[in-house]
Amino acid sequence: MADVKQFVNDAGDMMALAIDHLDEQLAHIRAGKANPKILDGVKVPYYGSLVPLTNVASVSTPDAKTIIITPWEKPLIKDIDKAILNSDVGITPENNGEVIRLGIPPLTEERRRQLVKQSKLEAENAKVSVRNARREAIELLKKSIKEGTPEDVEKDKEAEVQKIHDKFIKKVDELFAAKEKEIMTV
């Protein structure tokens, strides 16, 4: 007989991973406040290979509108400057020869709407992942009937998977609503 509890647990784990991924993706979307995570995608050439910016410099936020990047090696300042300009961060860096400052400009209404659309897309992707985890778990539960699992046990576990699914879909909606509010707040 198949271990139906394991199917439910695996589905819950997959749904939790989808939520974690959504949380990470939403953190990378700029919302008008200085957040070092917006620089996570920036790669800097360092001794012949591209490395993440955080591997060659310290990134800090002294206030809500400024990010300061302090390279660990002075010659890297030009490479970091160029990498930020070439990235999709959308902010022009200012460097004084020692540190690079990124002034976070206020978002325009149009840019806010674009960021909300991007956030919505990420939320929809997370919902698809949650639904796929539910579908896979239900398929495995249905197959387990052929292996000797009683139908009533299978139906109970199916209902349990649905409850878990509903909880995670609600969490996705909450994360999106919070990000939308953060983006649209002037």
N, C-alpha and C. Protein backbone atom coordinates (compact mmCIF):
# COMPACT_ATOMS: atom_id res chain seq x y z
N MET A 1 0.85 -1.19 0.00
CA MET A 1 0.00 0.00 0.00
C MET A 1 0.90 1.25 0.00
N ALA A 2 0.53 2.22 -0.80
CA ALA A 2 1.31 3.46 -0.92
C ALA A 2 1.16 4.30 0.34
N ASP A 3 2.19 5.09 0.62
CA ASP A 3 2.16 5.97 1.79
C ASP A 3 1.49 7.28 1.40
N VAL A 4 0.17 7.37 1.59
CA VAL A 4 -0.59 8.53 1.15
C VAL A 4 -0.24 9.79 1.94
N LYS A 5 0.18 9.63 3.19
CA LYS A 5 0.58 10.80 3.99
C LYS A 5 1.79 11.48 3.35
N GLN A 6 2.69 10.67 2.81
CA GLN A 6 3.89 11.21 2.17
C GLN A 6 3.52 12.06 0.96
N PHE A 7 2.50 11.62 0.19
CA PHE A 7 2.06 12.39 -0.98
C PHE A 7 1.58 13.78 -0.54
N VAL A 8 0.83 13.82 0.56
CA VAL A 8 0.29 15.08 1.08
C VAL A 8 1.44 15.96 1.57
N ASN A 9 2.38 15.37 2.31
CA ASN A 9 3.52 16.13 2.82
C ASN A 9 4.38 16.69 1.69
N ASP A 10 4.61 15.86 0.66
CA ASP A 10 5.42 16.31 -0.48
C ASP A 10 4.74 17.48 -1.20
N ALA A 11 3.41 17.40 -1.34
CA ALA A 11 2.67 18.48 -1.99
C ALA A 11 2.80 19.76 -1.18
N GLY A 12 2.69 19.65 0.15
CA GLY A 12 2.84 20.82 1.02
C GLY A 12 4.22 21.42 0.90
N ASP A 13 5.24 20.57 0.83
CA ASP A 13 6.62 21.06 0.68
C ASP A 13 6.81 21.80 -0.64
N MET A 14 6.26 21.24 -1.72
CA MET A 14 6.38 21.88 -3.03
C MET A 14 5.67 23.24 -3.04
N MET A 15 4.52 23.30 -2.40
CA MET A 15 3.78 24.57 -2.33
C MET A 15 4.55 25.60 -1.50
N ALA A 16 5.18 25.15 -0.43
CA ALA A 16 5.98 26.06 0.41
C ALA A 16 7.17 26.60 -0.38
N LEU A 17 7.78 25.75 -1.21
CA LEU A 17 8.89 26.20 -2.05
C LEU A 17 8.42 27.27 -3.04
N ALA A 18 7.22 27.10 -3.58
CA ALA A 18 6.67 28.09 -4.51
C ALA A 18 6.51 29.44 -3.80
N ILE A 19 6.04 29.41 -2.56
CA ILE A 19 5.86 30.65 -1.78
C ILE A 19 7.22 31.30 -1.51
N ASP A 20 8.21 30.49 -1.13
CA ASP A 20 9.54 31.02 -0.87
C ASP A 20 10.11 31.69 -2.12
N HIS A 21 9.92 31.04 -3.26
CA HIS A 21 10.42 31.58 -4.52
C HIS A 21 9.72 32.90 -4.85
N LEU A 22 8.41 32.94 -4.64
CA LEU A 22 7.66 34.18 -4.89
C LEU A 22 8.18 35.31 -3.99
N ASP A 23 8.39 34.99 -2.74
CA ASP A 23 8.88 35.99 -1.78
C ASP A 23 10.23 36.55 -2.26
N GLU A 24 11.09 35.67 -2.72
CA GLU A 24 12.41 36.08 -3.22
C GLU A 24 12.27 36.96 -4.47
N GLN A 25 11.40 36.55 -5.40
CA GLN A 25 11.22 37.33 -6.63
C GLN A 25 10.63 38.71 -6.35
N LEU A 26 9.69 38.78 -5.43
CA LEU A 26 9.07 40.07 -5.10
C LEU A 26 10.08 40.99 -4.42
N ALA A 27 11.02 40.42 -3.68
CA ALA A 27 12.03 41.24 -3.00
C ALA A 27 12.94 41.94 -4.01
N HIS A 28 13.08 41.35 -5.21
CA HIS A 28 13.94 41.94 -6.23
C HIS A 28 13.26 43.06 -7.00
N ILE A 29 11.98 43.23 -6.81
CA ILE A 29 11.25 44.28 -7.53
C ILE A 29 11.33 45.56 -6.73
N ARG A 30 11.85 46.59 -7.37
CA ARG A 30 12.08 47.89 -6.71
C ARG A 30 10.74 48.55 -6.41
N ALA A 31 10.59 49.05 -5.21
CA ALA A 31 9.31 49.66 -4.82
C ALA A 31 9.48 51.09 -4.32
N GLY A 32 10.49 51.79 -4.81
CA GLY A 32 10.66 53.18 -4.41
C GLY A 32 11.52 53.37 -3.17
N LYS A 33 11.77 52.29 -2.43
CA LYS A 33 12.63 52.37 -1.25
C LYS A 33 13.94 51.67 -1.57
N ALA A 34 15.00 52.10 -0.93
CA ALA A 34 16.30 51.48 -1.14
C ALA A 34 16.29 50.06 -0.56
N ASN A 35 16.59 49.10 -1.41
CA ASN A 35 16.64 47.69 -1.00
C ASN A 35 17.83 47.04 -1.70
N PRO A 36 18.83 46.57 -0.96
CA PRO A 36 20.01 45.98 -1.59
C PRO A 36 19.70 44.79 -2.50
N LYS A 37 18.55 44.15 -2.30
CA LYS A 37 18.21 42.98 -3.12
C LYS A 37 18.01 43.32 -4.59
N ILE A 38 17.74 44.60 -4.91
CA ILE A 38 17.56 44.94 -6.32
C ILE A 38 18.86 44.79 -7.10
N LEU A 39 19.98 44.69 -6.38
CA LEU A 39 21.28 44.52 -7.03
C LEU A 39 21.71 43.06 -7.12
N ASP A 40 20.87 42.14 -6.68
CA ASP A 40 21.25 40.72 -6.69
C ASP A 40 21.57 40.18 -8.08
N GLY A 41 20.93 40.73 -9.11
CA GLY A 41 21.16 40.23 -10.46
C GLY A 41 22.37 40.84 -11.15
N VAL A 42 23.02 41.81 -10.51
CA VAL A 42 24.16 42.50 -11.13
C VAL A 42 25.41 41.63 -11.01
N LYS A 43 26.04 41.36 -12.16
CA LYS A 43 27.28 40.57 -12.20
C LYS A 43 28.43 41.47 -12.62
N VAL A 44 29.57 41.32 -11.93
CA VAL A 44 30.74 42.15 -12.16
C VAL A 44 31.89 41.28 -12.66
N PRO A 45 32.62 41.72 -13.73
CA PRO A 45 33.79 40.94 -14.16
C PRO A 45 34.90 41.03 -13.10
N TYR A 46 35.36 39.86 -12.67
CA TYR A 46 36.37 39.81 -11.61
C TYR A 46 37.32 38.66 -11.92
N TYR A 47 38.55 38.99 -12.25
CA TYR A 47 39.57 38.00 -12.59
C TYR A 47 39.06 37.00 -13.63
N GLY A 48 38.46 37.52 -14.69
CA GLY A 48 38.08 36.68 -15.83
C GLY A 48 36.72 36.02 -15.75
N SER A 49 35.99 36.18 -14.67
CA SER A 49 34.65 35.58 -14.62
C SER A 49 33.66 36.58 -14.03
N LEU A 50 32.39 36.36 -14.33
CA LEU A 50 31.35 37.24 -13.80
C LEU A 50 30.90 36.72 -12.43
N VAL A 51 30.96 37.61 -11.44
CA VAL A 51 30.56 37.23 -10.08
C VAL A 51 29.48 38.20 -9.59
N PRO A 52 28.64 37.77 -8.64
CA PRO A 52 27.63 38.69 -8.10
C PRO A 52 28.30 39.89 -7.42
N LEU A 53 27.64 41.03 -7.51
CA LEU A 53 28.15 42.27 -6.94
C LEU A 53 28.51 42.12 -5.46
N THR A 54 27.71 41.37 -4.72
CA THR A 54 27.94 41.22 -3.28
C THR A 54 29.21 40.43 -2.97
N ASN A 55 29.80 39.77 -4.00
CA ASN A 55 31.05 39.03 -3.78
C ASN A 55 32.28 39.93 -3.87
N VAL A 56 32.11 41.16 -4.41
CA VAL A 56 33.27 42.04 -4.59
C VAL A 56 33.11 43.38 -3.89
N ALA A 57 31.97 43.58 -3.22
CA ALA A 57 31.74 44.87 -2.55
C ALA A 57 30.71 44.69 -1.45
N SER A 58 30.73 45.63 -0.50
CA SER A 58 29.68 45.62 0.52
C SER A 58 28.59 46.59 0.07
N VAL A 59 27.35 46.19 0.30
CA VAL A 59 26.20 46.99 -0.12
C VAL A 59 25.42 47.36 1.13
N SER A 60 25.17 48.67 1.30
CA SER A 60 24.42 49.11 2.49
C SER A 60 23.40 50.17 2.11
N THR A 61 22.43 50.37 2.99
CA THR A 61 21.41 51.39 2.78
C THR A 61 21.39 52.32 3.99
N PRO A 62 22.08 53.47 3.88
CA PRO A 62 22.12 54.40 5.02
C PRO A 62 20.76 55.07 5.28
N ASP A 63 19.95 55.21 4.21
CA ASP A 63 18.61 55.77 4.39
C ASP A 63 17.67 55.15 3.36
N ALA A 64 16.42 55.57 3.35
CA ALA A 64 15.40 54.95 2.50
C ALA A 64 15.56 55.27 1.02
N LYS A 65 16.39 56.23 0.68
CA LYS A 65 16.52 56.66 -0.72
C LYS A 65 17.91 56.45 -1.29
N THR A 66 18.82 55.80 -0.56
CA THR A 66 20.21 55.66 -1.02
C THR A 66 20.74 54.25 -0.77
N ILE A 67 21.48 53.75 -1.76
CA ILE A 67 22.24 52.50 -1.59
C ILE A 67 23.70 52.88 -1.80
N ILE A 68 24.56 52.41 -0.90
CA ILE A 68 26.00 52.68 -1.03
C ILE A 68 26.73 51.36 -1.25
N ILE A 69 27.57 51.36 -2.29
CA ILE A 69 28.36 50.19 -2.63
C ILE A 69 29.82 50.54 -2.40
N THR A 70 30.48 49.77 -1.53
CA THR A 70 31.89 50.01 -1.23
C THR A 70 32.70 48.81 -1.75
N PRO A 71 33.44 48.99 -2.86
CA PRO A 71 34.22 47.87 -3.41
C PRO A 71 35.36 47.50 -2.46
N TRP A 72 35.68 46.22 -2.45
CA TRP A 72 36.77 45.76 -1.60
C TRP A 72 38.12 46.05 -2.21
N GLU A 73 38.14 46.24 -3.55
CA GLU A 73 39.38 46.61 -4.24
C GLU A 73 39.08 47.86 -5.08
N LYS A 74 39.88 48.90 -4.92
CA LYS A 74 39.65 50.18 -5.60
C LYS A 74 39.49 50.06 -7.13
N PRO A 75 40.34 49.27 -7.82
CA PRO A 75 40.23 49.21 -9.29
C PRO A 75 38.87 48.68 -9.78
N LEU A 76 38.14 48.01 -8.93
CA LEU A 76 36.85 47.45 -9.34
C LEU A 76 35.75 48.49 -9.50
N ILE A 77 35.99 49.70 -9.03
CA ILE A 77 34.91 50.70 -9.01
C ILE A 77 34.37 50.97 -10.41
N LYS A 78 35.25 51.01 -11.43
CA LYS A 78 34.80 51.25 -12.80
C LYS A 78 33.97 50.06 -13.32
N ASP A 79 34.43 48.85 -13.01
CA ASP A 79 33.69 47.66 -13.46
C ASP A 79 32.31 47.58 -12.81
N ILE A 80 32.24 47.92 -11.52
CA ILE A 80 30.95 47.89 -10.82
C ILE A 80 30.03 48.95 -11.41
N ASP A 81 30.58 50.14 -11.65
CA ASP A 81 29.82 51.23 -12.26
C ASP A 81 29.21 50.77 -13.58
N LYS A 82 30.05 50.18 -14.43
CA LYS A 82 29.62 49.73 -15.76
C LYS A 82 28.58 48.61 -15.64
N ALA A 83 28.78 47.68 -14.70
CA ALA A 83 27.85 46.56 -14.53
C ALA A 83 26.46 47.06 -14.11
N ILE A 84 26.42 48.07 -13.25
CA ILE A 84 25.13 48.62 -12.81
C ILE A 84 24.45 49.34 -13.97
N LEU A 85 25.23 50.09 -14.75
CA LEU A 85 24.65 50.77 -15.91
C LEU A 85 24.08 49.78 -16.92
N ASN A 86 24.75 48.66 -17.13
CA ASN A 86 24.32 47.66 -18.11
C ASN A 86 23.21 46.75 -17.60
N SER A 87 22.93 46.80 -16.30
CA SER A 87 21.89 45.93 -15.74
C SER A 87 20.52 46.55 -15.93
N ASP A 88 19.48 45.83 -15.51
CA ASP A 88 18.11 46.34 -15.64
C ASP A 88 17.64 47.05 -14.37
N VAL A 89 18.58 47.49 -13.54
CA VAL A 89 18.23 48.18 -12.30
C VAL A 89 17.56 49.52 -12.62
N GLY A 90 18.03 50.19 -13.66
CA GLY A 90 17.41 51.44 -14.09
C GLY A 90 17.82 52.65 -13.27
N ILE A 91 18.99 52.60 -12.62
CA ILE A 91 19.46 53.72 -11.82
C ILE A 91 20.89 54.03 -12.25
N THR A 92 21.18 55.31 -12.44
CA THR A 92 22.53 55.71 -12.82
C THR A 92 23.38 55.87 -11.55
N PRO A 93 24.50 55.13 -11.48
CA PRO A 93 25.35 55.22 -10.29
C PRO A 93 26.19 56.50 -10.28
N GLU A 94 26.47 57.00 -9.10
CA GLU A 94 27.38 58.14 -8.92
C GLU A 94 28.56 57.63 -8.12
N ASN A 95 29.79 57.82 -8.65
CA ASN A 95 30.93 57.36 -7.85
C ASN A 95 31.90 58.51 -7.61
N ASN A 96 32.50 58.49 -6.42
CA ASN A 96 33.44 59.54 -6.04
C ASN A 96 34.87 59.00 -5.98
N GLY A 97 35.09 57.84 -6.56
CA GLY A 97 36.42 57.24 -6.54
C GLY A 97 36.62 56.25 -5.41
N GLU A 98 35.77 56.31 -4.39
CA GLU A 98 35.88 55.38 -3.26
C GLU A 98 34.62 54.54 -3.08
N VAL A 99 33.47 55.19 -3.19
CA VAL A 99 32.20 54.46 -3.06
C VAL A 99 31.28 54.84 -4.22
N ILE A 100 30.30 53.96 -4.46
CA ILE A 100 29.29 54.23 -5.48
C ILE A 100 27.97 54.45 -4.76
N ARG A 101 27.31 55.54 -5.12
CA ARG A 101 26.00 55.84 -4.53
C ARG A 101 24.93 55.64 -5.60
N LEU A 102 23.85 55.01 -5.17
CA LEU A 102 22.68 54.89 -6.04
C LEU A 102 21.55 55.64 -5.35
N GLY A 103 21.15 56.75 -5.94
CA GLY A 103 20.01 57.50 -5.40
C GLY A 103 18.75 56.89 -5.98
N ILE A 104 17.88 56.40 -5.13
CA ILE A 104 16.65 55.77 -5.60
C ILE A 104 15.64 56.87 -5.92
N PRO A 105 15.36 57.06 -7.22
CA PRO A 105 14.42 58.13 -7.58
C PRO A 105 12.98 57.71 -7.26
N PRO A 106 12.12 58.70 -7.06
CA PRO A 106 10.71 58.34 -6.86
C PRO A 106 10.17 57.71 -8.14
N LEU A 107 9.30 56.74 -8.00
CA LEU A 107 8.75 56.06 -9.17
C LEU A 107 7.65 56.89 -9.82
N THR A 108 7.63 56.86 -11.16
CA THR A 108 6.54 57.51 -11.87
C THR A 108 5.31 56.61 -11.80
N GLU A 109 4.16 57.16 -12.08
CA GLU A 109 2.92 56.39 -12.06
C GLU A 109 2.99 55.22 -13.05
N GLU A 110 3.54 55.50 -14.23
CA GLU A 110 3.65 54.46 -15.27
C GLU A 110 4.57 53.33 -14.80
N ARG A 111 5.70 53.70 -14.20
CA ARG A 111 6.66 52.69 -13.72
C ARG A 111 6.04 51.87 -12.58
N ARG A 112 5.26 52.51 -11.73
CA ARG A 112 4.58 51.79 -10.65
C ARG A 112 3.65 50.73 -11.23
N ARG A 113 2.91 51.13 -12.27
CA ARG A 113 1.97 50.18 -12.90
C ARG A 113 2.73 49.00 -13.52
N GLN A 114 3.88 49.28 -14.15
CA GLN A 114 4.70 48.21 -14.72
C GLN A 114 5.17 47.25 -13.63
N LEU A 115 5.61 47.80 -12.50
CA LEU A 115 6.10 46.97 -11.41
C LEU A 115 4.97 46.13 -10.80
N VAL A 116 3.77 46.70 -10.73
CA VAL A 116 2.62 45.92 -10.23
C VAL A 116 2.32 44.77 -11.19
N LYS A 117 2.39 45.06 -12.52
CA LYS A 117 2.17 43.99 -13.50
C LYS A 117 3.20 42.89 -13.35
N GLN A 118 4.46 43.28 -13.16
CA GLN A 118 5.54 42.31 -12.98
C GLN A 118 5.30 41.48 -11.72
N SER A 119 4.87 42.13 -10.65
CA SER A 119 4.57 41.42 -9.40
C SER A 119 3.41 40.45 -9.60
N LYS A 120 2.39 40.89 -10.33
CA LYS A 120 1.22 40.04 -10.59
C LYS A 120 1.64 38.80 -11.37
N LEU A 121 2.53 38.98 -12.34
CA LEU A 121 3.03 37.86 -13.13
C LEU A 121 3.75 36.85 -12.24
N GLU A 122 4.59 37.35 -11.33
CA GLU A 122 5.29 36.47 -10.40
C GLU A 122 4.30 35.72 -9.50
N ALA A 123 3.25 36.43 -9.06
CA ALA A 123 2.23 35.80 -8.21
C ALA A 123 1.49 34.71 -9.00
N GLU A 124 1.18 34.98 -10.26
CA GLU A 124 0.49 33.98 -11.09
C GLU A 124 1.37 32.75 -11.29
N ASN A 125 2.67 32.97 -11.50
CA ASN A 125 3.60 31.83 -11.65
C ASN A 125 3.62 30.98 -10.37
N ALA A 126 3.58 31.64 -9.22
CA ALA A 126 3.56 30.91 -7.96
C ALA A 126 2.27 30.11 -7.82
N LYS A 127 1.14 30.70 -8.24
CA LYS A 127 -0.14 29.99 -8.17
C LYS A 127 -0.12 28.76 -9.07
N VAL A 128 0.49 28.89 -10.25
CA VAL A 128 0.60 27.75 -11.16
C VAL A 128 1.41 26.63 -10.51
N SER A 129 2.49 27.00 -9.84
CA SER A 129 3.33 26.00 -9.16
C SER A 129 2.54 25.29 -8.05
N VAL A 130 1.77 26.07 -7.29
CA VAL A 130 0.97 25.50 -6.21
C VAL A 130 -0.07 24.55 -6.80
N ARG A 131 -0.72 24.96 -7.88
CA ARG A 131 -1.74 24.10 -8.52
C ARG A 131 -1.12 22.83 -9.08
N ASN A 132 0.08 22.96 -9.66
CA ASN A 132 0.76 21.77 -10.19
C ASN A 132 1.09 20.78 -9.07
N ALA A 133 1.53 21.29 -7.93
CA ALA A 133 1.83 20.42 -6.79
C ALA A 133 0.55 19.69 -6.34
N ARG A 134 -0.57 20.42 -6.31
CA ARG A 134 -1.85 19.80 -5.93
C ARG A 134 -2.23 18.71 -6.95
N ARG A 135 -2.11 19.04 -8.24
CA ARG A 135 -2.49 18.08 -9.29
C ARG A 135 -1.63 16.81 -9.19
N GLU A 136 -0.33 16.97 -9.00
CA GLU A 136 0.55 15.81 -8.91
C GLU A 136 0.19 14.94 -7.70
N ALA A 137 -0.10 15.59 -6.57
CA ALA A 137 -0.46 14.84 -5.36
C ALA A 137 -1.76 14.07 -5.58
N ILE A 138 -2.74 14.69 -6.21
CA ILE A 138 -4.03 14.03 -6.45
C ILE A 138 -3.85 12.86 -7.42
N GLU A 139 -3.02 13.04 -8.44
CA GLU A 139 -2.76 11.93 -9.38
C GLU A 139 -2.12 10.75 -8.64
N LEU A 140 -1.16 11.03 -7.78
CA LEU A 140 -0.51 9.96 -7.01
C LEU A 140 -1.51 9.28 -6.08
N LEU A 141 -2.39 10.07 -5.48
CA LEU A 141 -3.41 9.49 -4.60
C LEU A 141 -4.36 8.58 -5.38
N LYS A 142 -4.76 9.01 -6.57
CA LYS A 142 -5.65 8.20 -7.39
C LYS A 142 -4.97 6.89 -7.81
N LYS A 143 -3.68 6.97 -8.13
CA LYS A 143 -2.92 5.77 -8.49
C LYS A 143 -2.80 4.83 -7.29
N SER A 144 -2.76 5.41 -6.09
CA SER A 144 -2.58 4.58 -4.89
C SER A 144 -3.78 3.67 -4.64
N ILE A 145 -4.94 4.02 -5.19
CA ILE A 145 -6.13 3.17 -5.04
C ILE A 145 -5.86 1.82 -5.70
N LYS A 146 -5.19 1.84 -6.86
CA LYS A 146 -4.85 0.60 -7.57
C LYS A 146 -3.87 -0.25 -6.76
N GLU A 147 -3.12 0.41 -5.87
CA GLU A 147 -2.13 -0.30 -5.05
C GLU A 147 -2.71 -0.74 -3.70
N GLY A 148 -3.99 -0.54 -3.52
CA GLY A 148 -4.62 -1.06 -2.31
C GLY A 148 -5.09 -0.05 -1.30
N THR A 149 -4.95 1.23 -1.57
CA THR A 149 -5.43 2.26 -0.63
C THR A 149 -6.96 2.31 -0.72
N PRO A 150 -7.65 2.28 0.41
CA PRO A 150 -9.11 2.40 0.38
C PRO A 150 -9.54 3.75 -0.21
N GLU A 151 -10.68 3.73 -0.93
CA GLU A 151 -11.14 4.95 -1.59
C GLU A 151 -11.46 6.07 -0.62
N ASP A 152 -12.04 5.73 0.53
CA ASP A 152 -12.39 6.78 1.49
C ASP A 152 -11.14 7.47 2.05
N VAL A 153 -10.06 6.71 2.25
CA VAL A 153 -8.80 7.29 2.71
C VAL A 153 -8.26 8.23 1.63
N GLU A 154 -8.34 7.78 0.38
CA GLU A 154 -7.85 8.59 -0.74
C GLU A 154 -8.63 9.89 -0.83
N LYS A 155 -9.95 9.82 -0.69
CA LYS A 155 -10.80 11.03 -0.76
C LYS A 155 -10.48 12.00 0.39
N ASP A 156 -10.25 11.45 1.59
CA ASP A 156 -9.89 12.29 2.74
C ASP A 156 -8.57 13.01 2.48
N LYS A 157 -7.59 12.29 1.95
CA LYS A 157 -6.28 12.89 1.68
C LYS A 157 -6.38 13.92 0.55
N GLU A 158 -7.26 13.64 -0.42
CA GLU A 158 -7.49 14.59 -1.51
C GLU A 158 -8.05 15.90 -0.95
N ALA A 159 -8.98 15.78 -0.02
CA ALA A 159 -9.57 16.97 0.62
C ALA A 159 -8.49 17.72 1.42
N GLU A 160 -7.60 16.96 2.06
CA GLU A 160 -6.51 17.57 2.84
C GLU A 160 -5.56 18.35 1.91
N VAL A 161 -5.25 17.76 0.75
CA VAL A 161 -4.40 18.43 -0.23
C VAL A 161 -5.08 19.72 -0.71
N GLN A 162 -6.39 19.65 -0.91
CA GLN A 162 -7.14 20.84 -1.36
C GLN A 162 -7.09 21.94 -0.31
N LYS A 163 -7.20 21.57 0.97
CA LYS A 163 -7.13 22.57 2.05
C LYS A 163 -5.76 23.24 2.07
N ILE A 164 -4.71 22.43 1.93
CA ILE A 164 -3.35 22.96 1.90
C ILE A 164 -3.20 23.90 0.70
N HIS A 165 -3.71 23.48 -0.45
CA HIS A 165 -3.67 24.29 -1.67
C HIS A 165 -4.35 25.64 -1.43
N ASP A 166 -5.53 25.63 -0.85
CA ASP A 166 -6.27 26.87 -0.61
C ASP A 166 -5.50 27.80 0.31
N LYS A 167 -4.83 27.22 1.32
CA LYS A 167 -4.05 28.03 2.26
C LYS A 167 -2.88 28.72 1.53
N PHE A 168 -2.21 27.98 0.65
CA PHE A 168 -1.07 28.55 -0.06
C PHE A 168 -1.50 29.57 -1.12
N ILE A 169 -2.62 29.34 -1.78
CA ILE A 169 -3.12 30.31 -2.76
C ILE A 169 -3.46 31.62 -2.04
N LYS A 170 -4.05 31.50 -0.85
CA LYS A 170 -4.38 32.70 -0.05
C LYS A 170 -3.09 33.44 0.31
N LYS A 171 -2.03 32.70 0.67
CA LYS A 171 -0.74 33.29 1.02
C LYS A 171 -0.15 34.04 -0.18
N VAL A 172 -0.27 33.46 -1.38
CA VAL A 172 0.22 34.12 -2.60
C VAL A 172 -0.52 35.45 -2.78
N ASP A 173 -1.85 35.41 -2.62
CA ASP A 173 -2.65 36.63 -2.77
C ASP A 173 -2.24 37.69 -1.75
N GLU A 174 -1.96 37.25 -0.52
CA GLU A 174 -1.54 38.19 0.53
C GLU A 174 -0.19 38.82 0.19
N LEU A 175 0.77 38.00 -0.27
CA LEU A 175 2.08 38.53 -0.63
C LEU A 175 1.97 39.54 -1.76
N PHE A 176 1.15 39.20 -2.77
CA PHE A 176 0.98 40.12 -3.90
C PHE A 176 0.32 41.42 -3.45
N ALA A 177 -0.71 41.31 -2.63
CA ALA A 177 -1.41 42.51 -2.16
C ALA A 177 -0.47 43.42 -1.37
N ALA A 178 0.38 42.83 -0.54
CA ALA A 178 1.34 43.62 0.24
C ALA A 178 2.34 44.31 -0.68
N LYS A 179 2.83 43.60 -1.69
CA LYS A 179 3.80 44.19 -2.63
C LYS A 179 3.14 45.27 -3.45
N GLU A 180 1.90 45.04 -3.90
CA GLU A 180 1.19 46.05 -4.67
C GLU A 180 1.01 47.33 -3.85
N LYS A 181 0.65 47.17 -2.58
CA LYS A 181 0.47 48.33 -1.70
C LYS A 181 1.80 49.06 -1.54
N GLU A 182 2.89 48.30 -1.35
CA GLU A 182 4.21 48.90 -1.18
C GLU A 182 4.62 49.69 -2.44
N ILE A 183 4.34 49.13 -3.62
CA ILE A 183 4.71 49.79 -4.87
C ILE A 183 3.87 51.04 -5.10
N MET A 184 2.58 50.94 -4.86
CA MET A 184 1.67 52.05 -5.18
C MET A 184 1.68 53.17 -4.13
N THR A 185 2.28 52.92 -2.96
CA THR A 185 2.36 53.95 -1.93
C THR A 185 3.37 55.01 -2.36
N VAL A 186 2.92 56.26 -2.43
CA VAL A 186 3.81 57.33 -2.89
C VAL A 186 4.57 57.90 -1.71
